Amino acid sequence: VKNGTFLDVGCSDYREINNTYFFELNWNWRGVGVDIEPAHAHGWQHNRKRSAFVLADATAIDYDELLDAHAMPEVIDYLSLDLEPPTLSLVALEQVLQSRRKFRCVTFEHDWYRQKATCEPSRDLMRQAGYRLVMQSIQDDYYVFEGDK
């Protein structure tokens, strides 16, 4: 999909091990990256011209307010969620799912191989929100939105 949109929670470096850099670079996507680490701001601000970097605690954001401020649509193509430790990813997932936004595709890094506490709770939250698990690994789950059940 060309000209897509994303929300990258726990975005980290603008390029290295980044789930959205490819889309912006090759397919003209735009989006919002959220990270608590100030060291990542410079790279995003100077190399990701189509996207915004938000320096914030991803577990304490009003996601509708944030996404409205960046003119993001009601249906966003991709959500990437990867915070450390994984228990913070679960808290941020709950925050994101409370927003009115829907996401066509979601990757959630639960890191089951090192901390088993987030895998099943995240799957329950996603299922209840209308997302179908389409692929899983010991580190990540991949979902598509199927609508409210």
Protein backbone atom coordinates (compact mmCIF):
# COMPACT_ATOMS: atom_id res chain seq x y z
CA VAL A 1 0.00 0.00 0.00
CA LYS A 2 1.43 3.37 -1.01
CA ASN A 3 0.87 6.50 1.11
CA GLY A 4 -0.08 4.54 4.23
CA THR A 5 -0.08 5.58 7.87
CA PHE A 6 1.39 4.20 11.06
CA LEU A 7 1.71 4.56 14.81
CA ASP A 8 5.06 3.24 16.07
CA VAL A 9 4.95 2.94 19.89
CA GLY A 10 8.42 2.32 21.30
CA CYS A 11 9.85 3.42 17.96
CA SER A 12 13.47 3.62 19.12
CA ASP A 13 16.07 4.55 16.47
CA TYR A 14 14.77 6.09 13.25
CA ARG A 15 16.28 3.28 11.15
CA GLU A 16 18.01 0.45 13.04
CA ILE A 17 15.66 -2.40 13.96
CA ASN A 18 12.74 -0.10 13.19
CA ASN A 19 9.39 -1.50 12.03
CA THR A 20 8.26 1.57 10.07
CA TYR A 21 11.38 2.98 8.37
CA PHE A 22 10.93 0.76 5.29
CA PHE A 23 7.36 1.96 4.75
CA GLU A 24 8.26 5.63 4.96
CA LEU A 25 11.39 5.29 2.81
CA ASN A 26 9.95 3.06 0.08
CA TRP A 27 6.17 3.51 0.07
CA ASN A 28 5.72 7.16 1.08
CA TRP A 29 4.06 6.37 4.40
CA ARG A 30 3.72 8.90 7.22
CA GLY A 31 3.10 8.45 10.89
CA VAL A 32 3.89 9.08 14.50
CA GLY A 33 6.72 7.51 16.48
CA VAL A 34 6.59 7.54 20.27
CA ASP A 35 9.57 6.85 22.51
CA ILE A 36 10.72 7.85 25.99
CA GLU A 37 14.41 7.98 25.06
CA PRO A 38 15.59 11.51 24.12
CA ALA A 39 18.59 10.12 22.21
CA HIS A 40 16.24 8.94 19.42
CA ALA A 41 14.71 12.36 18.74
CA HIS A 42 17.53 13.78 16.61
CA GLY A 43 17.57 10.89 14.14
CA TRP A 44 13.83 10.98 13.67
CA GLN A 45 13.67 14.75 13.30
CA HIS A 46 16.45 14.85 10.70
CA ASN A 47 15.81 11.63 8.76
CA ARG A 48 12.08 10.90 8.99
CA LYS A 49 10.67 14.04 7.36
CA ARG A 50 7.19 12.57 6.75
CA SER A 51 6.72 11.50 10.35
CA ALA A 52 6.62 13.01 13.81
CA PHE A 53 8.69 11.87 16.76
CA VAL A 54 6.97 12.29 20.12
CA LEU A 55 9.15 12.14 23.22
CA ALA A 56 6.77 10.73 25.82
CA ASP A 57 5.90 7.90 28.16
CA ALA A 58 3.84 5.67 25.86
CA THR A 59 1.88 4.30 28.82
CA ALA A 60 0.52 7.72 29.77
CA ILE A 61 -0.69 9.16 26.46
CA ASP A 62 -4.18 10.04 25.29
CA TYR A 63 -3.79 8.43 21.88
CA ASP A 64 -6.80 10.13 20.32
CA GLU A 65 -5.43 13.52 21.33
CA LEU A 66 -1.97 12.63 20.02
CA LEU A 67 -3.22 11.25 16.71
CA ASP A 68 -5.66 14.12 16.21
CA ALA A 69 -2.79 16.58 16.71
CA HIS A 70 -0.92 14.88 13.86
CA ALA A 71 -3.94 14.65 11.53
CA MET A 72 -3.95 10.86 11.54
CA PRO A 73 -7.00 9.11 10.09
CA GLU A 74 -9.57 7.06 12.01
CA VAL A 75 -8.23 3.87 10.40
CA ILE A 76 -4.44 3.64 10.49
CA ASP A 77 -2.66 1.07 8.35
CA TYR A 78 -0.12 -0.19 10.87
CA LEU A 79 0.49 -0.21 14.62
CA SER A 80 3.84 -1.37 15.95
CA LEU A 81 4.09 -1.78 19.72
CA ASP A 82 7.43 -2.62 21.36
CA LEU A 83 8.37 -1.27 24.78
CA GLU A 84 10.86 -2.53 27.32
CA PRO A 85 10.09 -4.40 29.47
CA PRO A 86 7.19 -6.15 27.71
CA THR A 87 4.83 -5.44 30.63
CA LEU A 88 4.96 -1.79 29.56
CA SER A 89 3.91 -2.85 26.05
CA LEU A 90 0.80 -4.40 27.55
CA VAL A 91 -0.06 -1.18 29.42
CA ALA A 92 0.47 0.88 26.25
CA LEU A 93 -1.64 -1.58 24.24
CA GLU A 94 -4.53 -1.03 26.66
CA GLN A 95 -4.13 2.74 26.20
CA VAL A 96 -4.08 2.49 22.40
CA LEU A 97 -7.12 0.19 22.31
CA GLN A 98 -9.10 2.72 24.37
CA SER A 99 -8.74 5.21 21.51
CA ARG A 100 -11.30 5.39 18.72
CA ARG A 101 -8.64 4.46 16.14
CA LYS A 102 -8.52 1.12 14.42
CA PHE A 103 -5.44 -0.42 12.84
CA ARG A 104 -5.46 -2.62 9.75
CA CYS A 105 -2.35 -4.51 10.88
CA VAL A 106 -0.67 -4.72 14.29
CA THR A 107 2.59 -6.17 15.53
CA PHE A 108 2.85 -6.59 19.29
CA GLU A 109 6.18 -7.62 20.79
CA HIS A 110 5.41 -9.73 23.85
CA ASP A 111 8.88 -11.34 24.17
CA TRP A 112 7.37 -14.60 25.41
CA TYR A 113 10.80 -16.25 25.32
CA ARG A 114 12.04 -14.07 28.20
CA GLN A 115 8.92 -12.89 30.02
CA LYS A 116 5.71 -14.86 29.66
CA ALA A 117 3.42 -12.38 31.46
CA THR A 118 2.19 -10.42 28.42
CA CYS A 119 1.48 -12.98 25.71
CA GLU A 120 -1.95 -14.30 26.71
CA PRO A 121 -3.28 -11.03 28.20
CA SER A 122 -2.37 -9.16 25.00
CA ARG A 123 -4.07 -11.81 22.88
CA ASP A 124 -7.22 -11.53 24.98
CA LEU A 125 -7.24 -7.72 24.64
CA MET A 126 -6.73 -7.88 20.89
CA ARG A 127 -9.41 -10.53 20.37
CA GLN A 128 -11.92 -8.52 22.42
CA ALA A 129 -11.13 -5.42 20.34
CA GLY A 130 -11.88 -7.21 17.06
CA TYR A 131 -8.39 -8.22 15.97
CA ARG A 132 -7.51 -11.67 14.62
CA LEU A 133 -4.11 -13.25 15.36
CA VAL A 134 -2.68 -14.27 11.98
CA MET A 135 0.90 -15.15 12.90
CA GLN A 136 2.86 -15.68 16.09
CA SER A 137 6.42 -16.23 17.20
CA ILE A 138 8.23 -16.46 20.53
CA GLN A 139 8.75 -12.70 20.28
CA ASP A 140 5.92 -11.10 18.27
CA ASP A 141 2.25 -11.49 17.45
CA TYR A 142 0.75 -10.22 14.18
CA TYR A 143 -2.89 -9.17 13.89
CA VAL A 144 -5.38 -7.89 11.37
CA PHE A 145 -8.54 -5.98 12.22
CA GLU A 146 -11.77 -7.86 11.56
CA GLY A 147 -14.21 -5.51 13.22
CA ASP A 148 -16.03 -5.52 16.50
CA LYS A 149 -17.19 -8.94 17.62
